[in-house]
């Protein structure tokens, strides 16, 4: 499908919208295709097999103003664009969006209640961690100087169920009852981004959990932090 059709499909279900840019506009931060491809290649994060973003040499399109890439494979749907100003825009379908309940909970009996989609606790935290680590990579490449603006939004997750491998997630049914986008936006100097990335990911994940009516206890937070550390250190 063409790019407009792909974006429309992604937006029709639960999805991420990520926008990263400098607070100071500079039209030609990345004046050439090689400079854009080098930046994406170096900034891309691969911590658990599937990279953020999906980038393959020779699979991008360049029109003189921006570089763009996409993926349509099994349940993966992504479209991204990097502008010559250094602005990053990315649409990513949630892994549990559009997937059959039998596929998500393969081998489990009985199956949990039927919902519009499913969001895994750790996958959500891990995706956010990858997003903010990618932002660190963009900053290191000079795309976000001197101050980074970060906007991460989760859309179309009404009636989506938050789940984990614990019985209580099926018993209590942690479900989003609202169609309001869940948003995280912050501006900070690029020199502070690396030290803040993991905490920002955890903060937004916790915000999302609360919308799904799950408030993690201190013990759960400690477990999430440890799992996040294992992800970053590639120990999963």
Protein backbone atom coordinates (compact mmCIF):
# COMPACT_ATOMS: atom_id res chain seq x y z
CA UNK A 1 0.00 0.00 0.00
CA UNK A 2 1.13 3.58 -0.47
CA UNK A 3 2.24 5.77 2.42
CA UNK A 4 -1.09 7.54 2.90
CA UNK A 5 -2.92 4.21 3.04
CA UNK A 6 -0.39 2.81 5.50
CA UNK A 7 -0.67 5.82 7.82
CA UNK A 8 -4.46 5.62 7.66
CA UNK A 9 -4.35 1.93 8.58
CA UNK A 10 -1.98 2.55 11.49
CA UNK A 11 -4.16 5.40 12.82
CA UNK A 12 -7.30 3.26 12.64
CA UNK A 13 -6.09 1.12 15.56
CA UNK A 14 -4.07 1.59 18.72
CA UNK A 15 -0.84 3.33 17.79
CA UNK A 16 2.07 5.50 18.86
CA UNK A 17 2.75 8.94 17.46
CA UNK A 18 6.30 10.10 18.19
CA UNK A 19 7.62 13.55 17.37
CA UNK A 20 11.15 14.66 18.27
CA UNK A 21 12.82 17.91 17.28
CA UNK A 22 14.89 20.82 18.45
CA UNK A 23 13.09 23.77 20.00
CA UNK A 24 15.21 25.97 17.71
CA UNK A 25 14.28 25.49 14.07
CA UNK A 26 17.17 25.15 11.64
CA UNK A 27 16.13 24.38 8.08
CA UNK A 28 19.26 22.53 6.91
CA UNK A 29 20.58 20.54 9.87
CA UNK A 30 20.66 17.48 7.62
CA UNK A 31 21.20 18.83 4.10
CA UNK A 32 21.81 15.53 2.29
CA UNK A 33 20.41 12.03 2.07
CA UNK A 34 23.66 10.46 3.37
CA UNK A 35 23.59 12.72 6.45
CA UNK A 36 20.02 11.60 7.20
CA UNK A 37 20.70 7.92 6.63
CA UNK A 38 23.83 8.04 8.77
CA UNK A 39 21.91 9.67 11.61
CA UNK A 40 19.07 7.13 11.58
CA UNK A 41 21.49 4.22 11.27
CA UNK A 42 23.60 5.37 14.24
CA UNK A 43 20.64 6.37 16.42
CA UNK A 44 18.53 3.25 15.80
CA UNK A 45 18.05 1.07 18.87
CA UNK A 46 18.07 -2.74 18.78
CA UNK A 47 17.63 -4.18 22.26
CA UNK A 48 15.30 -7.16 21.73
CA UNK A 49 15.43 -8.32 18.14
CA UNK A 50 13.14 -5.78 16.45
CA UNK A 51 14.79 -2.37 16.03
CA UNK A 52 13.42 1.05 16.80
CA UNK A 53 12.88 2.37 14.23
CA UNK A 54 12.79 -0.26 11.51
CA UNK A 55 15.55 0.85 9.15
CA UNK A 56 17.19 -1.07 6.34
CA UNK A 57 19.74 0.30 3.90
CA UNK A 58 18.17 0.61 0.47
CA UNK A 59 14.58 0.57 1.77
CA UNK A 60 14.15 4.30 2.34
CA UNK A 61 12.80 7.05 0.06
CA UNK A 62 14.24 10.54 -0.25
CA UNK A 63 12.50 13.49 -1.90
CA UNK A 64 15.01 16.27 -1.27
CA UNK A 65 13.32 17.48 1.91
CA UNK A 66 12.89 14.37 3.99
CA UNK A 67 13.86 10.73 4.28
CA UNK A 68 11.11 8.22 4.95
CA UNK A 69 10.82 4.55 5.76
CA UNK A 70 8.10 2.03 6.49
CA UNK A 71 7.42 -1.59 7.28
CA UNK A 72 4.45 -3.85 6.55
CA UNK A 73 5.24 -7.31 7.84
CA UNK A 74 2.91 -9.64 9.74
CA UNK A 75 1.46 -7.48 12.53
CA UNK A 76 4.17 -4.81 12.27
CA UNK A 77 3.13 -1.49 10.78
CA UNK A 78 5.37 1.60 10.89
CA UNK A 79 5.89 4.78 8.96
CA UNK A 80 8.58 7.34 9.78
CA UNK A 81 9.91 10.54 8.34
CA UNK A 82 13.11 12.47 9.10
CA UNK A 83 13.11 16.06 7.87
CA UNK A 84 16.20 18.00 6.88
CA UNK A 85 15.53 20.23 9.90
CA UNK A 86 16.18 17.19 12.11
CA UNK A 87 12.53 16.70 13.03
CA UNK A 88 11.51 13.08 13.54
CA UNK A 89 7.92 11.88 13.05
CA UNK A 90 6.94 8.26 13.54
CA UNK A 91 3.68 6.30 13.54
CA UNK A 92 3.81 2.78 15.00
CA UNK A 93 0.95 0.35 15.44
CA UNK A 94 0.73 -1.29 18.85
CA UNK A 95 1.74 -4.94 18.77
CA UNK A 96 -1.58 -6.01 20.28
CA UNK A 97 -3.69 -3.90 17.93
CA UNK A 98 -5.62 -5.83 15.35
CA UNK A 99 -4.33 -9.17 16.64
CA UNK A 100 -6.73 -12.01 17.34
CA UNK A 101 -7.19 -12.88 21.02
CA UNK A 102 -6.22 -16.47 20.25
CA UNK A 103 -2.94 -15.26 18.76
CA UNK A 104 -2.06 -12.93 21.65
CA UNK A 105 -2.83 -15.56 24.30
CA UNK A 106 -1.76 -18.63 22.37
CA UNK A 107 -1.99 -21.79 24.45
CA UNK A 108 -3.83 -20.12 27.33
CA UNK A 109 -7.09 -21.56 28.60
CA UNK A 110 -9.48 -20.07 29.35
CA UNK A 111 -8.87 -17.01 27.25
CA UNK A 112 -9.23 -13.57 28.87
CA UNK A 113 -12.26 -11.42 28.02
CA UNK A 114 -12.65 -10.17 24.47
CA UNK A 115 -11.49 -6.56 23.99
CA UNK A 116 -10.68 -4.21 21.12
CA UNK A 117 -6.94 -4.76 21.65
CA UNK A 118 -4.30 -5.82 24.14
CA UNK A 119 -1.31 -4.00 25.63
CA UNK A 120 1.45 -5.92 27.38
CA UNK A 121 2.84 -4.24 30.51
CA UNK A 122 6.50 -4.78 29.73
CA UNK A 123 6.21 -4.32 25.97
CA UNK A 124 4.80 -0.86 26.63
CA UNK A 125 7.68 0.06 28.94
CA UNK A 126 10.23 -1.43 26.57
CA UNK A 127 8.86 0.45 23.56
CA UNK A 128 9.03 3.73 25.47
CA UNK A 129 12.57 2.96 26.56
CA UNK A 130 13.58 2.35 22.94
CA UNK A 131 11.92 5.60 21.85
CA UNK A 132 13.78 7.71 24.40
CA UNK A 133 17.10 5.95 23.74
CA UNK A 134 16.60 6.71 20.05
CA UNK A 135 16.07 10.35 21.04
CA UNK A 136 19.43 10.21 22.80
CA UNK A 137 20.96 8.97 19.54
CA UNK A 138 19.40 11.83 17.59
CA UNK A 139 20.78 14.26 20.15
CA UNK A 140 24.26 12.78 19.86
CA UNK A 141 24.02 13.26 16.11
CA UNK A 142 23.23 16.95 16.54
CA UNK A 143 19.62 16.81 15.37
CA UNK A 144 18.09 18.15 18.58
CA UNK A 145 20.57 20.85 19.68
CA UNK A 146 20.43 22.76 21.91
CA UNK A 147 17.12 21.76 23.51
CA UNK A 148 15.07 18.71 22.62
CA UNK A 149 11.30 18.66 22.38
CA UNK A 150 9.86 15.19 22.95
CA UNK A 151 6.26 14.27 22.21
CA UNK A 152 5.13 10.66 22.65
CA UNK A 153 1.42 9.93 22.25
CA UNK A 154 -0.67 6.79 22.49
CA UNK A 155 -3.90 6.87 20.47
CA UNK A 156 -7.02 4.77 19.91
CA UNK A 157 -6.71 2.42 22.88
CA UNK A 158 -10.28 2.62 24.18
CA UNK A 159 -11.40 -0.83 25.35
CA UNK A 160 -7.84 -2.13 25.10
CA UNK A 161 -6.82 -4.44 27.93
CA UNK A 162 -3.53 -4.20 29.80
CA UNK A 163 -2.11 -7.65 30.50
CA UNK A 164 0.78 -9.53 32.05
CA UNK A 165 1.45 -13.11 33.05
CA UNK A 166 -0.39 -12.67 36.32
CA UNK A 167 -3.90 -13.94 37.00
CA UNK A 168 -5.01 -10.65 38.54
CA UNK A 169 -4.71 -8.92 35.16
CA UNK A 170 -7.46 -11.16 33.85
CA UNK A 171 -9.51 -11.13 37.03
CA UNK A 172 -9.58 -7.36 37.51
CA UNK A 173 -9.57 -6.46 33.82
CA UNK A 174 -7.37 -3.40 33.55
CA UNK A 175 -9.06 -1.69 30.61
CA UNK A 176 -8.88 1.79 29.13
CA UNK A 177 -12.38 3.28 29.19
CA UNK A 178 -11.57 6.53 27.39
CA UNK A 179 -10.66 7.45 23.82
CA UNK A 180 -8.58 10.46 24.91
CA UNK A 181 -4.96 10.27 23.66
CA UNK A 182 -2.37 9.59 26.36
CA UNK A 183 0.46 12.08 25.95
CA UNK A 184 3.93 12.80 27.27
CA UNK A 185 5.59 16.05 26.23
CA UNK A 186 8.77 17.58 27.58
CA UNK A 187 11.57 19.92 26.57
CA UNK A 188 15.03 19.59 28.05
CA UNK A 189 18.64 20.42 27.16
CA UNK A 190 20.25 17.68 25.09
CA UNK A 191 22.98 17.35 27.71
CA UNK A 192 20.37 16.08 30.17
CA UNK A 193 18.63 13.69 27.81
CA UNK A 194 20.82 10.64 28.28
CA UNK A 195 20.54 10.73 32.07
CA UNK A 196 16.77 11.26 31.90
CA UNK A 197 15.75 8.77 29.19
CA UNK A 198 15.02 5.73 31.35
CA UNK A 199 13.08 7.67 33.96
CA UNK A 200 11.01 9.42 31.29
CA UNK A 201 10.13 6.04 29.80
CA UNK A 202 9.09 4.71 33.20
CA UNK A 203 7.11 7.86 33.99
CA UNK A 204 5.08 7.67 30.79
CA UNK A 205 4.57 3.92 31.18
CA UNK A 206 3.22 4.50 34.68
CA UNK A 207 0.92 7.22 33.31
CA UNK A 208 -0.41 4.80 30.70
CA UNK A 209 -0.93 2.08 33.31
CA UNK A 210 -3.00 4.48 35.39
CA UNK A 211 -5.29 5.20 32.42
CA UNK A 212 -5.82 1.45 32.23
CA UNK A 213 -6.69 1.53 35.96
CA UNK A 214 -3.55 -0.20 37.17
CA UNK A 215 -1.46 1.64 39.75
CA UNK A 216 1.76 -0.36 40.24
CA UNK A 217 2.78 -0.91 43.86
CA UNK A 218 6.36 -0.19 44.91
CA UNK A 219 7.33 -3.83 44.43
CA UNK A 220 5.94 -3.78 40.89
CA UNK A 221 7.83 -0.58 40.11
CA UNK A 222 11.07 -2.18 41.32
CA UNK A 223 10.42 -5.17 39.05
CA UNK A 224 9.73 -2.90 36.08
CA UNK A 225 12.94 -0.94 36.72
CA UNK A 226 14.92 -4.17 36.88
CA UNK A 227 13.30 -5.45 33.67
CA UNK A 228 14.10 -2.15 31.97
CA UNK A 229 17.72 -2.47 33.09
CA UNK A 230 17.89 -6.00 31.70
CA UNK A 231 16.51 -4.72 28.38
CA UNK A 232 19.11 -1.96 28.13
CA UNK A 233 21.89 -4.39 29.03
CA UNK A 234 20.47 -6.99 26.57
CA UNK A 235 20.00 -9.59 29.29
CA UNK A 236 16.43 -10.54 28.43
